[in-house]
Amino acid sequence: MAFGASKGRWWSVIQSFGDVYNFRVAYQGWCEWMAKSLGQSCTYQHTFLEAGAWLQNDKVICDLSFMVAFHEDWWNKEMLFAQGISVWQKDVPPLYQRAGYRAG
């Protein structure tokens, strides 16, 4: 799971997209390392190989860039009410905002 993501929430998916976009080389290297270290007998080797190849695809990176920019520039601002960010936290850097917690 990507840094800072919470399982099962739409903003977790976007956080993951941003992490993959911003740290693509690290994620790609990790996928390739996992594929090599697991060996051919592992069920997940093919998945790691595909993910590593996916991260080299310019179209995929372009799509990630669009989604990350769309959410940063429009969606996140429009959906503040869903995340429950109080008015006093809007000027706090996103890393330090504490809101959006929901019960299952």
PDB file of N, CA and C in Angstrom:
ATOM      1  N   MET A   1       0.844  -1.175   0.000  1.00  0.00           N
ATOM      2  CA  MET A   1       0.000   0.000   0.000  1.00  0.00           C
ATOM      3  C   MET A   1       0.893   1.245   0.000  1.00  0.00           C
ATOM      4  N   ALA A   2       0.469   2.251  -0.677  1.00  0.00           N
ATOM      5  CA  ALA A   2       1.260   3.472  -0.790  1.00  0.00           C
ATOM      6  C   ALA A   2       1.305   4.230   0.532  1.00  0.00           C
ATOM      7  N   PHE A   3       2.313   5.039   0.690  1.00  0.00           N
ATOM      8  CA  PHE A   3       2.520   5.830   1.892  1.00  0.00           C
ATOM      9  C   PHE A   3       1.293   6.681   2.199  1.00  0.00           C
ATOM     10  N   GLY A   4       0.839   6.665   3.429  1.00  0.00           N
ATOM     11  CA  GLY A   4      -0.251   7.540   3.864  1.00  0.00           C
ATOM     12  C   GLY A   4      -1.633   7.117   3.436  1.00  0.00           C
ATOM     13  N   ALA A   5      -1.751   6.003   2.758  1.00  0.00           N
ATOM     14  CA  ALA A   5      -3.067   5.603   2.254  1.00  0.00           C
ATOM     15  C   ALA A   5      -3.839   4.852   3.326  1.00  0.00           C
ATOM     16  N   SER A   6      -5.140   5.011   3.307  1.00  0.00           N
ATOM     17  CA  SER A   6      -5.993   4.230   4.193  1.00  0.00           C
ATOM     18  C   SER A   6      -6.815   3.304   3.328  1.00  0.00           C
ATOM     19  N   LYS A   7      -6.952   2.086   3.739  1.00  0.00           N
ATOM     20  CA  LYS A   7      -7.533   1.030   2.911  1.00  0.00           C
ATOM     21  C   LYS A   7      -8.995   1.314   2.559  1.00  0.00           C
ATOM     22  N   GLY A   8      -9.303   1.208   1.256  1.00  0.00           N
ATOM     23  CA  GLY A   8     -10.685   1.236   0.813  1.00  0.00           C
ATOM     24  C   GLY A   8     -11.309   2.589   0.617  1.00  0.00           C
ATOM     25  N   ARG A   9     -10.577   3.641   0.543  1.00  0.00           N
ATOM     26  CA  ARG A   9     -11.154   4.971   0.378  1.00  0.00           C
ATOM     27  C   ARG A   9     -10.653   5.585  -0.925  1.00  0.00           C
ATOM     28  N   TRP A  10     -11.518   6.386  -1.561  1.00  0.00           N
ATOM     29  CA  TRP A  10     -11.138   6.944  -2.867  1.00  0.00           C
ATOM     30  C   TRP A  10      -9.886   7.789  -2.770  1.00  0.00           C
ATOM     31  N   TRP A  11      -9.689   8.512  -1.679  1.00  0.00           N
ATOM     32  CA  TRP A  11      -8.496   9.351  -1.597  1.00  0.00           C
ATOM     33  C   TRP A  11      -7.249   8.480  -1.387  1.00  0.00           C
ATOM     34  N   SER A  12      -7.412   7.267  -0.894  1.00  0.00           N
ATOM     35  CA  SER A  12      -6.280   6.354  -0.791  1.00  0.00           C
ATOM     36  C   SER A  12      -5.804   5.941  -2.180  1.00  0.00           C
ATOM     37  N   VAL A  13      -6.749   5.732  -3.070  1.00  0.00           N
ATOM     38  CA  VAL A  13      -6.403   5.363  -4.444  1.00  0.00           C
ATOM     39  C   VAL A  13      -5.620   6.503  -5.090  1.00  0.00           C
ATOM     40  N   ILE A  14      -6.107   7.722  -4.925  1.00  0.00           N
ATOM     41  CA  ILE A  14      -5.426   8.875  -5.509  1.00  0.00           C
ATOM     42  C   ILE A  14      -4.072   9.095  -4.846  1.00  0.00           C
ATOM     43  N   GLN A  15      -3.987   8.882  -3.544  1.00  0.00           N
ATOM     44  CA  GLN A  15      -2.692   8.972  -2.862  1.00  0.00           C
ATOM     45  C   GLN A  15      -1.723   7.968  -3.466  1.00  0.00           C
ATOM     46  N   SER A  16      -2.222   6.763  -3.727  1.00  0.00           N
ATOM     47  CA  SER A  16      -1.384   5.725  -4.338  1.00  0.00           C
ATOM     48  C   SER A  16      -0.932   6.134  -5.732  1.00  0.00           C
ATOM     49  N   PHE A  17      -1.862   6.693  -6.532  1.00  0.00           N
ATOM     50  CA  PHE A  17      -1.490   7.176  -7.866  1.00  0.00           C
ATOM     51  C   PHE A  17      -0.377   8.206  -7.765  1.00  0.00           C
ATOM     52  N   GLY A  18      -0.527   9.143  -6.824  1.00  0.00           N
ATOM     53  CA  GLY A  18       0.490  10.179  -6.649  1.00  0.00           C
ATOM     54  C   GLY A  18       1.827   9.604  -6.245  1.00  0.00           C
ATOM     55  N   ASP A  19       1.799   8.643  -5.328  1.00  0.00           N
ATOM     56  CA  ASP A  19       3.053   8.008  -4.900  1.00  0.00           C
ATOM     57  C   ASP A  19       3.721   7.283  -6.061  1.00  0.00           C
ATOM     58  N   VAL A  20       2.932   6.542  -6.829  1.00  0.00           N
ATOM     59  CA  VAL A  20       3.493   5.813  -7.973  1.00  0.00           C
ATOM     60  C   VAL A  20       4.043   6.798  -8.995  1.00  0.00           C
ATOM     61  N   TYR A  21       3.296   7.874  -9.253  1.00  0.00           N
ATOM     62  CA  TYR A  21       3.752   8.871 -10.228  1.00  0.00           C
ATOM     63  C   TYR A  21       5.038   9.559  -9.764  1.00  0.00           C
ATOM     64  N   ASN A  22       5.067   9.964  -8.496  1.00  0.00           N
ATOM     65  CA  ASN A  22       6.210  10.716  -7.977  1.00  0.00           C
ATOM     66  C   ASN A  22       7.440   9.849  -7.715  1.00  0.00           C
ATOM     67  N   PHE A  23       7.229   8.566  -7.431  1.00  0.00           N
ATOM     68  CA  PHE A  23       8.338   7.674  -7.086  1.00  0.00           C
ATOM     69  C   PHE A  23       8.355   6.453  -8.008  1.00  0.00           C
ATOM     70  N   ARG A  24       8.066   6.692  -9.276  1.00  0.00           N
ATOM     71  CA  ARG A  24       7.941   5.617 -10.260  1.00  0.00           C
ATOM     72  C   ARG A  24       9.177   4.735 -10.315  1.00  0.00           C
ATOM     73  N   VAL A  25      10.353   5.316 -10.319  1.00  0.00           N
ATOM     74  CA  VAL A  25      11.590   4.538 -10.430  1.00  0.00           C
ATOM     75  C   VAL A  25      11.738   3.599  -9.225  1.00  0.00           C
ATOM     76  N   ALA A  26      11.394   4.090  -8.049  1.00  0.00           N
ATOM     77  CA  ALA A  26      11.486   3.250  -6.849  1.00  0.00           C
ATOM     78  C   ALA A  26      10.489   2.093  -6.914  1.00  0.00           C
ATOM     79  N   TYR A  27       9.244   2.379  -7.308  1.00  0.00           N
ATOM     80  CA  TYR A  27       8.239   1.320  -7.415  1.00  0.00           C
ATOM     81  C   TYR A  27       8.616   0.312  -8.508  1.00  0.00           C
ATOM     82  N   GLN A  28       9.111   0.820  -9.617  1.00  0.00           N
ATOM     83  CA  GLN A  28       9.520  -0.058 -10.712  1.00  0.00           C
ATOM     84  C   GLN A  28      10.660  -0.967 -10.262  1.00  0.00           C
ATOM     85  N   GLY A  29      11.653  -0.377  -9.615  1.00  0.00           N
ATOM     86  CA  GLY A  29      12.785  -1.158  -9.120  1.00  0.00           C
ATOM     87  C   GLY A  29      12.358  -2.205  -8.109  1.00  0.00           C
ATOM     88  N   TRP A  30      11.420  -1.839  -7.243  1.00  0.00           N
ATOM     89  CA  TRP A  30      10.941  -2.778  -6.242  1.00  0.00           C
ATOM     90  C   TRP A  30      10.223  -3.949  -6.902  1.00  0.00           C
ATOM     91  N   CYS A  31       9.375  -3.652  -7.887  1.00  0.00           N
ATOM     92  CA  CYS A  31       8.658  -4.721  -8.606  1.00  0.00           C
ATOM     93  C   CYS A  31       9.634  -5.660  -9.293  1.00  0.00           C
ATOM     94  N   GLU A  32      10.640  -5.102  -9.929  1.00  0.00           N
ATOM     95  CA  GLU A  32      11.632  -5.929 -10.619  1.00  0.00           C
ATOM     96  C   GLU A  32      12.440  -6.759  -9.625  1.00  0.00           C
ATOM     97  N   TRP A  33      12.805  -6.155  -8.499  1.00  0.00           N
ATOM     98  CA  TRP A  33      13.548  -6.876  -7.463  1.00  0.00           C
ATOM     99  C   TRP A  33      12.714  -8.025  -6.896  1.00  0.00           C
ATOM    100  N   MET A  34      11.424  -7.743  -6.633  1.00  0.00           N
ATOM    101  CA  MET A  34      10.538  -8.785  -6.106  1.00  0.00           C
ATOM    102  C   MET A  34      10.401  -9.937  -7.102  1.00  0.00           C
ATOM    103  N   ALA A  35      10.245  -9.604  -8.382  1.00  0.00           N
ATOM    104  CA  ALA A  35      10.097 -10.653  -9.405  1.00  0.00           C
ATOM    105  C   ALA A  35      11.340 -11.543  -9.449  1.00  0.00           C
ATOM    106  N   LYS A  36      12.517 -10.922  -9.342  1.00  0.00           N
ATOM    107  CA  LYS A  36      13.764 -11.703  -9.378  1.00  0.00           C
ATOM    108  C   LYS A  36      13.956 -12.507  -8.096  1.00  0.00           C
ATOM    109  N   SER A  37      13.678 -11.890  -6.958  1.00  0.00           N
ATOM    110  CA  SER A  37      13.946 -12.565  -5.691  1.00  0.00           C
ATOM    111  C   SER A  37      12.930 -13.674  -5.403  1.00  0.00           C
ATOM    112  N   LEU A  38      11.708 -13.551  -5.918  1.00  0.00           N
ATOM    113  CA  LEU A  38      10.707 -14.588  -5.689  1.00  0.00           C
ATOM    114  C   LEU A  38      10.954 -15.826  -6.536  1.00  0.00           C
ATOM    115  N   GLY A  39      11.502 -15.619  -7.712  1.00  0.00           N
ATOM    116  CA  GLY A  39      11.790 -16.743  -8.597  1.00  0.00           C
ATOM    117  C   GLY A  39      10.552 -17.236  -9.331  1.00  0.00           C
ATOM    118  N   GLN A  40      10.754 -18.094 -10.278  1.00  0.00           N
ATOM    119  CA  GLN A  40       9.674 -18.558 -11.140  1.00  0.00           C
ATOM    120  C   GLN A  40       8.667 -19.448 -10.430  1.00  0.00           C
ATOM    121  N   SER A  41       9.027 -19.993  -9.299  1.00  0.00           N
ATOM    122  CA  SER A  41       8.099 -20.884  -8.603  1.00  0.00           C
ATOM    123  C   SER A  41       7.012 -20.108  -7.861  1.00  0.00           C
ATOM    124  N   CYS A  42       7.182 -18.829  -7.719  1.00  0.00           N
ATOM    125  CA  CYS A  42       6.210 -18.020  -6.974  1.00  0.00           C
ATOM    126  C   CYS A  42       5.029 -17.624  -7.853  1.00  0.00           C
ATOM    127  N   THR A  43       3.859 -17.701  -7.285  1.00  0.00           N
ATOM    128  CA  THR A  43       2.623 -17.331  -7.987  1.00  0.00           C
ATOM    129  C   THR A  43       2.620 -15.870  -8.408  1.00  0.00           C
ATOM    130  N   TYR A  44       3.241 -14.998  -7.624  1.00  0.00           N
ATOM    131  CA  TYR A  44       3.170 -13.563  -7.859  1.00  0.00           C
ATOM    132  C   TYR A  44       4.266 -13.011  -8.757  1.00  0.00           C
ATOM    133  N   GLN A  45       5.204 -13.828  -9.187  1.00  0.00           N
ATOM    134  CA  GLN A  45       6.303 -13.320 -10.001  1.00  0.00           C
ATOM    135  C   GLN A  45       5.782 -12.622 -11.255  1.00  0.00           C
ATOM    136  N   HIS A  46       4.830 -13.236 -11.932  1.00  0.00           N
ATOM    137  CA  HIS A  46       4.287 -12.651 -13.165  1.00  0.00           C
ATOM    138  C   HIS A  46       3.634 -11.291 -12.891  1.00  0.00           C
ATOM    139  N   THR A  47       2.964 -11.183 -11.755  1.00  0.00           N
ATOM    140  CA  THR A  47       2.319  -9.913 -11.379  1.00  0.00           C
ATOM    141  C   THR A  47       3.355  -8.815 -11.199  1.00  0.00           C
ATOM    142  N   PHE A  48       4.441  -9.122 -10.525  1.00  0.00           N
ATOM    143  CA  PHE A  48       5.496  -8.126 -10.331  1.00  0.00           C
ATOM    144  C   PHE A  48       6.164  -7.756 -11.649  1.00  0.00           C
ATOM    145  N   LEU A  49       6.360  -8.738 -12.528  1.00  0.00           N
ATOM    146  CA  LEU A  49       6.926  -8.439 -13.847  1.00  0.00           C
ATOM    147  C   LEU A  49       6.007  -7.514 -14.639  1.00  0.00           C
ATOM    148  N   GLU A  50       4.702  -7.786 -14.612  1.00  0.00           N
ATOM    149  CA  GLU A  50       3.738  -6.933 -15.319  1.00  0.00           C
ATOM    150  C   GLU A  50       3.703  -5.525 -14.732  1.00  0.00           C
ATOM    151  N   ALA A  51       3.715  -5.424 -13.410  1.00  0.00           N
ATOM    152  CA  ALA A  51       3.682  -4.105 -12.772  1.00  0.00           C
ATOM    153  C   ALA A  51       4.932  -3.304 -13.119  1.00  0.00           C
ATOM    154  N   GLY A  52       6.092  -3.951 -13.131  1.00  0.00           N
ATOM    155  CA  GLY A  52       7.328  -3.271 -13.511  1.00  0.00           C
ATOM    156  C   GLY A  52       7.281  -2.771 -14.943  1.00  0.00           C
ATOM    157  N   ALA A  53       6.747  -3.592 -15.845  1.00  0.00           N
ATOM    158  CA  ALA A  53       6.615  -3.182 -17.249  1.00  0.00           C
ATOM    159  C   ALA A  53       5.589  -2.065 -17.393  1.00  0.00           C
ATOM    160  N   TRP A  54       4.524  -2.148 -16.638  1.00  0.00           N
ATOM    161  CA  TRP A  54       3.455  -1.134 -16.651  1.00  0.00           C
ATOM    162  C   TRP A  54       4.020   0.238 -16.283  1.00  0.00           C
ATOM    163  N   LEU A  55       4.941   0.262 -15.322  1.00  0.00           N
ATOM    164  CA  LEU A  55       5.526   1.530 -14.875  1.00  0.00           C
ATOM    165  C   LEU A  55       6.502   2.130 -15.882  1.00  0.00           C
ATOM    166  N   GLN A  56       6.821   1.394 -16.937  1.00  0.00           N
ATOM    167  CA  GLN A  56       7.683   1.916 -17.995  1.00  0.00           C
ATOM    168  C   GLN A  56       6.881   2.457 -19.172  1.00  0.00           C
ATOM    169  N   ASN A  57       5.571   2.293 -19.131  1.00  0.00           N
ATOM    170  CA  ASN A  57       4.701   2.681 -20.242  1.00  0.00           C
ATOM    171  C   ASN A  57       4.368   4.179 -20.156  1.00  0.00           C
ATOM    172  N   ASP A  58       4.734   4.932 -21.194  1.00  0.00           N
ATOM    173  CA  ASP A  58       4.503   6.383 -21.195  1.00  0.00           C
ATOM    174  C   ASP A  58       3.027   6.744 -21.107  1.00  0.00           C
ATOM    175  N   LYS A  59       2.158   5.949 -21.712  1.00  0.00           N
ATOM    176  CA  LYS A  59       0.714   6.215 -21.660  1.00  0.00           C
ATOM    177  C   LYS A  59       0.201   6.081 -20.225  1.00  0.00           C
ATOM    178  N   VAL A  60       0.667   5.084 -19.525  1.00  0.00           N
ATOM    179  CA  VAL A  60       0.272   4.887 -18.123  1.00  0.00           C
ATOM    180  C   VAL A  60       0.715   6.082 -17.281  1.00  0.00           C
ATOM    181  N   ILE A  61       1.936   6.524 -17.474  1.00  0.00           N
ATOM    182  CA  ILE A  61       2.462   7.656 -16.705  1.00  0.00           C
ATOM    183  C   ILE A  61       1.698   8.933 -17.049  1.00  0.00           C
ATOM    184  N   CYS A  62       1.349   9.121 -18.308  1.00  0.00           N
ATOM    185  CA  CYS A  62       0.548  10.275 -18.723  1.00  0.00           C
ATOM    186  C   CYS A  62      -0.826  10.234 -18.038  1.00  0.00           C
ATOM    187  N   ASP A  63      -1.462   9.065 -18.018  1.00  0.00           N
ATOM    188  CA  ASP A  63      -2.761   8.926 -17.357  1.00  0.00           C
ATOM    189  C   ASP A  63      -2.656   9.195 -15.863  1.00  0.00           C
ATOM    190  N   LEU A  64      -1.612   8.683 -15.226  1.00  0.00           N
ATOM    191  CA  LEU A  64      -1.406   8.957 -13.800  1.00  0.00           C
ATOM    192  C   LEU A  64      -1.239  10.449 -13.556  1.00  0.00           C
ATOM    193  N   SER A  65      -0.475  11.097 -14.412  1.00  0.00           N
ATOM    194  CA  SER A  65      -0.253  12.531 -14.294  1.00  0.00           C
ATOM    195  C   SER A  65      -1.568  13.293 -14.372  1.00  0.00           C
ATOM    196  N   PHE A  66      -2.419  12.910 -15.333  1.00  0.00           N
ATOM    197  CA  PHE A  66      -3.720  13.562 -15.471  1.00  0.00           C
ATOM    198  C   PHE A  66      -4.568  13.367 -14.221  1.00  0.00           C
ATOM    199  N   MET A  67      -4.636  12.133 -13.724  1.00  0.00           N
ATOM    200  CA  MET A  67      -5.482  11.863 -12.555  1.00  0.00           C
ATOM    201  C   MET A  67      -4.991  12.604 -11.319  1.00  0.00           C
ATOM    202  N   VAL A  68      -3.695  12.614 -11.115  1.00  0.00           N
ATOM    203  CA  VAL A  68      -3.131  13.306  -9.956  1.00  0.00           C
ATOM    204  C   VAL A  68      -3.405  14.809 -10.063  1.00  0.00           C
ATOM    205  N   ALA A  69      -3.168  15.395 -11.230  1.00  0.00           N
ATOM    206  CA  ALA A  69      -3.400  16.834 -11.418  1.00  0.00           C
ATOM    207  C   ALA A  69      -4.879  17.173 -11.271  1.00  0.00           C
ATOM    208  N   PHE A  70      -5.761  16.367 -11.836  1.00  0.00           N
ATOM    209  CA  PHE A  70      -7.202  16.608 -11.724  1.00  0.00           C
ATOM    210  C   PHE A  70      -7.638  16.620 -10.270  1.00  0.00           C
ATOM    211  N   HIS A  71      -7.160  15.658  -9.515  1.00  0.00           N
ATOM    212  CA  HIS A  71      -7.560  15.596  -8.109  1.00  0.00           C
ATOM    213  C   HIS A  71      -6.943  16.722  -7.292  1.00  0.00           C
ATOM    214  N   GLU A  72      -5.721  17.071  -7.551  1.00  0.00           N
ATOM    215  CA  GLU A  72      -5.088  18.158  -6.800  1.00  0.00           C
ATOM    216  C   GLU A  72      -5.713  19.510  -7.146  1.00  0.00           C
ATOM    217  N   ASP A  73      -6.038  19.720  -8.424  1.00  0.00           N
ATOM    218  CA  ASP A  73      -6.523  21.029  -8.861  1.00  0.00           C
ATOM    219  C   ASP A  73      -8.022  21.226  -8.732  1.00  0.00           C
ATOM    220  N   TRP A  74      -8.805  20.141  -8.745  1.00  0.00           N
ATOM    221  CA  TRP A  74     -10.255  20.332  -8.702  1.00  0.00           C
ATOM    222  C   TRP A  74     -10.939  19.436  -7.684  1.00  0.00           C
ATOM    223  N   TRP A  75     -10.825  18.139  -7.837  1.00  0.00           N
ATOM    224  CA  TRP A  75     -11.606  17.194  -7.045  1.00  0.00           C
ATOM    225  C   TRP A  75     -11.389  17.370  -5.545  1.00  0.00           C
ATOM    226  N   ASN A  76     -10.150  17.423  -5.111  1.00  0.00           N
ATOM    227  CA  ASN A  76      -9.880  17.529  -3.672  1.00  0.00           C
ATOM    228  C   ASN A  76     -10.519  18.770  -3.063  1.00  0.00           C
ATOM    229  N   LYS A  77     -10.455  19.887  -3.763  1.00  0.00           N
ATOM    230  CA  LYS A  77     -11.048  21.124  -3.248  1.00  0.00           C
ATOM    231  C   LYS A  77     -12.562  21.026  -3.184  1.00  0.00           C
ATOM    232  N   GLU A  78     -13.167  20.391  -4.187  1.00  0.00           N
ATOM    233  CA  GLU A  78     -14.621  20.248  -4.228  1.00  0.00           C
ATOM    234  C   GLU A  78     -15.128  19.226  -3.220  1.00  0.00           C
ATOM    235  N   MET A  79     -14.294  18.282  -2.848  1.00  0.00           N
ATOM    236  CA  MET A  79     -14.729  17.202  -1.971  1.00  0.00           C
ATOM    237  C   MET A  79     -14.265  17.370  -0.521  1.00  0.00           C
ATOM    238  N   LEU A  80     -13.860  18.547  -0.140  1.00  0.00           N
ATOM    239  CA  LEU A  80     -13.430  18.759   1.241  1.00  0.00           C
ATOM    240  C   LEU A  80     -14.509  18.362   2.239  1.00  0.00           C
ATOM    241  N   PHE A  81     -15.772  18.612   1.874  1.00  0.00           N
ATOM    242  CA  PHE A  81     -16.851  18.275   2.796  1.00  0.00           C
ATOM    243  C   PHE A  81     -16.884  16.775   3.083  1.00  0.00           C
ATOM    244  N   ALA A  82     -16.549  15.951   2.105  1.00  0.00           N
ATOM    245  CA  ALA A  82     -16.570  14.502   2.286  1.00  0.00           C
ATOM    246  C   ALA A  82     -15.427  14.034   3.175  1.00  0.00           C
ATOM    247  N   GLN A  83     -14.350  14.783   3.168  1.00  0.00           N
ATOM    248  CA  GLN A  83     -13.205  14.422   4.000  1.00  0.00           C
ATOM    249  C   GLN A  83     -13.315  15.021   5.392  1.00  0.00           C
ATOM    250  N   GLY A  84     -14.231  15.940   5.566  1.00  0.00           N
ATOM    251  CA  GLY A  84     -14.456  16.497   6.884  1.00  0.00           C
ATOM    252  C   GLY A  84     -13.359  17.419   7.373  1.00  0.00           C
ATOM    253  N   ILE A  85     -12.692  18.108   6.476  1.00  0.00           N
ATOM    254  CA  ILE A  85     -11.632  19.029   6.898  1.00  0.00           C
ATOM    255  C   ILE A  85     -12.271  20.321   7.415  1.00  0.00           C
ATOM    256  N   SER A  86     -11.984  20.637   8.629  1.00  0.00           N
ATOM    257  CA  SER A  86     -12.545  21.844   9.238  1.00  0.00           C
ATOM    258  C   SER A  86     -11.985  23.086   8.582  1.00  0.00           C
ATOM    259  N   VAL A  87     -12.735  24.170   8.690  1.00  0.00           N
ATOM    260  CA  VAL A  87     -12.330  25.445   8.086  1.00  0.00           C
ATOM    261  C   VAL A  87     -10.952  25.855   8.580  1.00  0.00           C
ATOM    262  N   TRP A  88     -10.686  25.658   9.850  1.00  0.00           N
ATOM    263  CA  TRP A  88      -9.400  26.095  10.394  1.00  0.00           C
ATOM    264  C   TRP A  88      -8.229  25.271   9.861  1.00  0.00           C
ATOM    265  N   GLN A  89      -8.495  24.104   9.267  1.00  0.00           N
ATOM    266  CA  GLN A  89      -7.405  23.269   8.746  1.00  0.00           C
ATOM    267  C   GLN A  89      -7.111  23.508   7.274  1.00  0.00           C
ATOM    268  N   LYS A  90      -7.920  24.291   6.611  1.00  0.00           N
ATOM    269  CA  LYS A  90      -7.730  24.478   5.168  1.00  0.00           C
ATOM    270  C   LYS A  90      -6.385  25.115   4.818  1.00  0.00           C
ATOM    271  N   ASP A  91      -5.831  25.909   5.720  1.00  0.00           N
ATOM    272  CA  ASP A  91      -4.539  26.541   5.462  1.00  0.00           C
ATOM    273  C   ASP A  91      -3.367  25.721   5.987  1.00  0.00           C
ATOM    274  N   VAL A  92      -3.669  24.614   6.640  1.00  0.00           N
ATOM    275  CA  VAL A  92      -2.625  23.723   7.142  1.00  0.00           C
ATOM    276  C   VAL A  92      -2.144  22.855   5.974  1.00  0.00           C
ATOM    277  N   PRO A  93      -0.842  22.667   5.819  1.00  0.00           N
ATOM    278  CA  PRO A  93      -0.354  21.810   4.730  1.00  0.00           C
ATOM    279  C   PRO A  93      -1.019  20.426   4.799  1.00  0.00           C
ATOM    280  N   PRO A  94      -1.358  19.841   3.641  1.00  0.00           N
ATOM    281  CA  PRO A  94      -2.063  18.548   3.616  1.00  0.00           C
ATOM    282  C   PRO A  94      -1.425  17.455   4.474  1.00  0.00           C
ATOM    283  N   LEU A  95      -0.107  17.449   4.552  1.00  0.00           N
ATOM    284  CA  LEU A  95       0.578  16.430   5.341  1.00  0.00           C
ATOM    285  C   LEU A  95       0.170  16.489   6.816  1.00  0.00           C
ATOM    286  N   TYR A  96      -0.181  17.679   7.293  1.00  0.00           N
ATOM    287  CA  TYR A  96      -0.486  17.857   8.710  1.00  0.00           C
ATOM    288  C   TYR A  96      -1.977  17.971   9.014  1.00  0.00           C
ATOM    289  N   GLN A  97      -2.807  17.924   8.007  1.00  0.00           N
ATOM    290  CA  GLN A  97      -4.246  17.962   8.243  1.00  0.00           C
ATOM    291  C   GLN A  97      -4.691  16.657   8.872  1.00  0.00           C
ATOM    292  N   ARG A  98      -5.577  16.752   9.821  1.00  0.00           N
ATOM    293  CA  ARG A  98      -6.121  15.559  10.459  1.00  0.00           C
ATOM    294  C   ARG A  98      -7.633  15.603  10.348  1.00  0.00           C
ATOM    295  N   ALA A  99      -8.135  14.858   9.380  1.00  0.00           N
ATOM    296  CA  ALA A  99      -9.576  14.844   9.140  1.00  0.00           C
ATOM    297  C   ALA A  99      -9.910  13.690   8.223  1.00  0.00           C
ATOM    298  N   GLY A 100     -11.180  13.556   7.923  1.00  0.00           N
ATOM    299  CA  GLY A 100     -11.614  12.568   6.957  1.00  0.00           C
ATOM    300  C   GLY A 100     -11.746  11.163   7.511  1.00  0.00           C
ATOM    301  N   TYR A 101     -11.685  11.024   8.828  1.00  0.00           N
ATOM    302  CA  TYR A 101     -11.818   9.699   9.394  1.00  0.00           C
ATOM    303  C   TYR A 101     -13.289   9.311   9.459  1.00  0.00           C
ATOM    304  N   ARG A 102     -13.606   8.141   9.004  1.00  0.00           N
ATOM    305  CA  ARG A 102     -14.977   7.668   8.988  1.00  0.00           C
ATOM    306  C   ARG A 102     -15.036   6.272   9.577  1.00  0.00           C
ATOM    307  N   ALA A 103     -16.132   6.014  10.269  1.00  0.00           N
ATOM    308  CA  ALA A 103     -16.343   4.664  10.796  1.00  0.00           C
ATOM    309  C   ALA A 103     -16.738   3.742   9.648  1.00  0.00           C
ATOM    310  N   GLY A 104     -16.489   2.469   9.808  1.00  0.00           N
ATOM    311  CA  GLY A 104     -16.830   1.497   8.784  1.00  0.00           C
ATOM    312  C   GLY A 104     -18.333   1.361   8.596  1.00  0.00           C
TER     313      GLY A 104
END
